[in-house]
N, C-alpha and C. Protein backbone atom coordinates (compact mmCIF):
# COMPACT_ATOMS: atom_id res chain seq x y z
N UNK A 1 100.68 83.36 100.76
CA UNK A 1 101.24 83.79 99.49
C UNK A 1 101.09 85.30 99.38
N UNK A 2 102.07 85.94 98.78
CA UNK A 2 102.06 87.38 98.60
C UNK A 2 102.26 87.70 97.14
N UNK A 3 101.41 88.55 96.60
CA UNK A 3 101.63 89.09 95.25
C UNK A 3 102.56 90.28 95.45
N UNK A 4 103.74 90.21 94.86
CA UNK A 4 104.76 91.23 95.07
C UNK A 4 104.46 92.43 94.19
N UNK A 5 104.30 93.59 94.80
CA UNK A 5 103.95 94.80 94.08
C UNK A 5 105.16 95.40 93.39
N UNK A 6 104.92 95.89 92.21
CA UNK A 6 105.92 96.60 91.40
C UNK A 6 107.18 95.79 91.15
N UNK A 7 107.04 94.46 91.01
CA UNK A 7 108.22 93.63 90.76
C UNK A 7 108.84 93.94 89.41
N UNK A 8 108.06 94.46 88.47
CA UNK A 8 108.60 94.73 87.14
C UNK A 8 109.05 96.16 86.94
N UNK A 9 109.07 96.95 88.00
CA UNK A 9 109.40 98.36 87.87
C UNK A 9 110.79 98.59 87.29
N UNK A 10 111.74 97.71 87.64
CA UNK A 10 113.10 97.89 87.13
C UNK A 10 113.17 97.64 85.63
N UNK A 11 112.18 96.92 85.08
CA UNK A 11 112.14 96.67 83.63
C UNK A 11 111.17 97.62 82.93
N UNK A 12 110.70 98.63 83.63
CA UNK A 12 109.77 99.59 83.05
C UNK A 12 108.34 99.07 82.96
N UNK A 13 108.03 98.03 83.74
CA UNK A 13 106.69 97.46 83.76
C UNK A 13 106.10 97.59 85.15
N UNK A 14 104.79 97.62 85.22
CA UNK A 14 104.11 97.59 86.50
C UNK A 14 103.46 96.24 86.69
N UNK A 15 102.59 96.12 87.67
CA UNK A 15 101.89 94.86 87.91
C UNK A 15 100.84 94.60 86.83
N UNK A 16 100.13 95.66 86.45
CA UNK A 16 99.17 95.54 85.36
C UNK A 16 98.99 96.92 84.73
N UNK A 17 98.57 96.90 83.50
CA UNK A 17 98.30 98.15 82.80
C UNK A 17 97.31 97.88 81.67
N UNK A 18 96.58 98.89 81.28
CA UNK A 18 95.65 98.78 80.17
C UNK A 18 96.35 99.25 78.91
N UNK A 19 96.21 98.48 77.85
CA UNK A 19 96.79 98.81 76.55
C UNK A 19 95.68 98.63 75.52
N UNK A 20 95.04 99.74 75.16
CA UNK A 20 93.90 99.71 74.24
C UNK A 20 92.81 98.82 74.86
N UNK A 21 92.42 97.74 74.21
CA UNK A 21 91.36 96.85 74.71
C UNK A 21 91.93 95.60 75.36
N UNK A 22 93.13 95.72 75.95
CA UNK A 22 93.78 94.60 76.61
C UNK A 22 94.23 95.01 78.01
N UNK A 23 94.27 94.03 78.89
CA UNK A 23 94.84 94.19 80.22
C UNK A 23 96.13 93.38 80.24
N UNK A 24 97.25 94.05 80.44
CA UNK A 24 98.55 93.39 80.47
C UNK A 24 98.88 93.11 81.93
N UNK A 25 99.12 91.82 82.25
CA UNK A 25 99.42 91.41 83.62
C UNK A 25 100.88 90.97 83.72
N UNK A 26 101.59 91.55 84.64
CA UNK A 26 102.97 91.17 84.97
C UNK A 26 103.04 91.00 86.48
N UNK A 27 102.73 89.80 86.95
CA UNK A 27 102.61 89.56 88.39
C UNK A 27 103.69 88.61 88.88
N UNK A 28 104.03 88.75 90.14
CA UNK A 28 105.00 87.88 90.78
C UNK A 28 104.42 87.46 92.13
N UNK A 29 104.62 86.20 92.49
CA UNK A 29 104.12 85.70 93.76
C UNK A 29 105.26 85.04 94.53
N UNK A 30 105.18 85.13 95.85
CA UNK A 30 106.19 84.53 96.74
C UNK A 30 105.43 84.02 97.96
N UNK A 31 105.54 82.71 98.25
CA UNK A 31 104.76 82.19 99.36
C UNK A 31 105.34 82.56 100.73
N UNK A 32 106.63 82.93 100.78
CA UNK A 32 107.23 83.32 102.06
C UNK A 32 108.26 84.43 101.83
N UNK A 33 107.81 85.64 101.54
CA UNK A 33 108.75 86.72 101.26
C UNK A 33 109.55 87.19 102.48
N UNK A 34 109.16 86.75 103.67
CA UNK A 34 109.83 87.19 104.89
C UNK A 34 110.98 86.26 105.30
N UNK A 35 111.41 85.39 104.40
CA UNK A 35 112.53 84.46 104.64
C UNK A 35 112.23 83.42 105.71
N UNK A 36 110.95 83.11 105.92
CA UNK A 36 110.58 82.07 106.88
C UNK A 36 111.10 80.72 106.40
N UNK A 37 111.24 79.79 107.33
CA UNK A 37 111.75 78.46 107.01
C UNK A 37 110.74 77.60 106.29
N UNK A 38 111.18 76.39 105.97
CA UNK A 38 110.37 75.37 105.31
C UNK A 38 110.24 75.64 103.80
N UNK A 39 109.37 74.91 103.09
CA UNK A 39 109.31 75.04 101.63
C UNK A 39 109.02 76.46 101.16
N UNK A 40 109.73 76.86 100.14
CA UNK A 40 109.61 78.21 99.59
C UNK A 40 109.51 78.11 98.08
N UNK A 41 108.61 78.90 97.48
CA UNK A 41 108.50 78.93 96.03
C UNK A 41 108.16 80.34 95.56
N UNK A 42 108.45 80.59 94.32
CA UNK A 42 108.09 81.85 93.67
C UNK A 42 107.52 81.53 92.29
N UNK A 43 106.87 82.50 91.70
CA UNK A 43 106.34 82.33 90.34
C UNK A 43 106.11 83.71 89.73
N UNK A 44 106.15 83.76 88.41
CA UNK A 44 105.82 84.97 87.66
C UNK A 44 104.76 84.63 86.63
N UNK A 45 103.84 85.55 86.42
CA UNK A 45 102.80 85.41 85.40
C UNK A 45 102.85 86.62 84.51
N UNK A 46 103.00 86.38 83.23
CA UNK A 46 102.95 87.43 82.21
C UNK A 46 101.85 87.02 81.24
N UNK A 47 100.80 87.84 81.14
CA UNK A 47 99.69 87.46 80.28
C UNK A 47 98.99 88.68 79.71
N UNK A 48 98.16 88.41 78.72
CA UNK A 48 97.41 89.45 78.02
C UNK A 48 95.94 89.04 78.00
N UNK A 49 95.10 89.83 78.67
CA UNK A 49 93.66 89.56 78.76
C UNK A 49 92.95 90.46 77.76
N UNK A 50 92.16 89.86 76.88
CA UNK A 50 91.39 90.60 75.89
C UNK A 50 90.07 91.02 76.54
N UNK A 51 89.84 92.31 76.67
CA UNK A 51 88.64 92.80 77.33
C UNK A 51 87.39 92.57 76.49
N UNK A 52 87.52 92.47 75.17
CA UNK A 52 86.36 92.26 74.31
C UNK A 52 85.87 90.82 74.35
N UNK A 53 86.78 89.86 74.37
CA UNK A 53 86.39 88.45 74.37
C UNK A 53 86.30 87.87 75.78
N UNK A 54 86.93 88.53 76.76
CA UNK A 54 86.94 88.02 78.13
C UNK A 54 87.81 86.79 78.27
N UNK A 55 88.85 86.69 77.41
CA UNK A 55 89.73 85.52 77.46
C UNK A 55 91.19 85.96 77.47
N UNK A 56 92.02 85.07 78.01
CA UNK A 56 93.46 85.30 77.95
C UNK A 56 93.95 84.99 76.54
N UNK A 57 94.72 85.91 75.96
CA UNK A 57 95.29 85.67 74.63
C UNK A 57 96.66 85.02 74.74
N UNK A 58 97.42 85.42 75.75
CA UNK A 58 98.73 84.82 75.97
C UNK A 58 98.89 84.57 77.46
N UNK A 59 99.60 83.50 77.78
CA UNK A 59 99.90 83.16 79.17
C UNK A 59 101.33 82.64 79.22
N UNK A 60 102.14 83.28 80.04
CA UNK A 60 103.51 82.82 80.26
C UNK A 60 103.68 82.71 81.77
N UNK A 61 103.53 81.49 82.30
CA UNK A 61 103.65 81.23 83.72
C UNK A 61 105.02 80.62 83.97
N UNK A 62 105.80 81.28 84.81
CA UNK A 62 107.17 80.85 85.09
C UNK A 62 107.31 80.50 86.57
N UNK A 63 107.10 79.23 86.91
CA UNK A 63 107.30 78.84 88.30
C UNK A 63 108.78 78.79 88.63
N UNK A 64 109.12 79.25 89.82
CA UNK A 64 110.51 79.19 90.27
C UNK A 64 110.80 77.85 90.92
N UNK A 65 112.04 77.64 91.25
CA UNK A 65 112.46 76.41 91.89
C UNK A 65 111.92 76.36 93.32
N UNK A 66 111.45 75.20 93.73
CA UNK A 66 111.00 75.02 95.11
C UNK A 66 112.21 74.66 95.95
N UNK A 67 112.41 75.38 97.02
CA UNK A 67 113.53 75.11 97.90
C UNK A 67 113.02 74.99 99.34
N UNK A 68 113.83 74.41 100.18
CA UNK A 68 113.48 74.29 101.60
C UNK A 68 114.49 75.10 102.39
N UNK A 69 113.98 76.11 103.05
CA UNK A 69 114.82 76.95 103.90
C UNK A 69 114.92 76.33 105.29
N UNK A 70 116.04 76.49 105.95
CA UNK A 70 116.16 75.97 107.33
C UNK A 70 115.18 76.71 108.25
N UNK A 71 114.61 75.98 109.17
CA UNK A 71 113.68 76.56 110.12
C UNK A 71 114.46 77.37 111.15
N UNK A 72 113.87 78.43 111.65
CA UNK A 72 114.50 79.27 112.66
C UNK A 72 114.28 78.73 114.07
N UNK A 73 113.51 77.66 114.19
CA UNK A 73 113.22 77.06 115.50
C UNK A 73 114.46 76.35 116.03
N UNK A 74 114.63 76.37 117.34
CA UNK A 74 115.76 75.66 117.95
C UNK A 74 115.49 74.19 118.07
């Protein structure tokens, strides 16, 4: 699995940033970003971590569709 860096850059967001006493997370994951065969999935996580309480205040987990890519093997 790969955490994709700067996936939110086109929307003016980074992977994470500090906003006052919160950590804003905008992460994206891809289990096979190199277009390898077999099952493939992606997901995005958008959340807000409260640094004072040590808890997530909001969580928006968006799993992508699972697909099966053809294998490159003969």
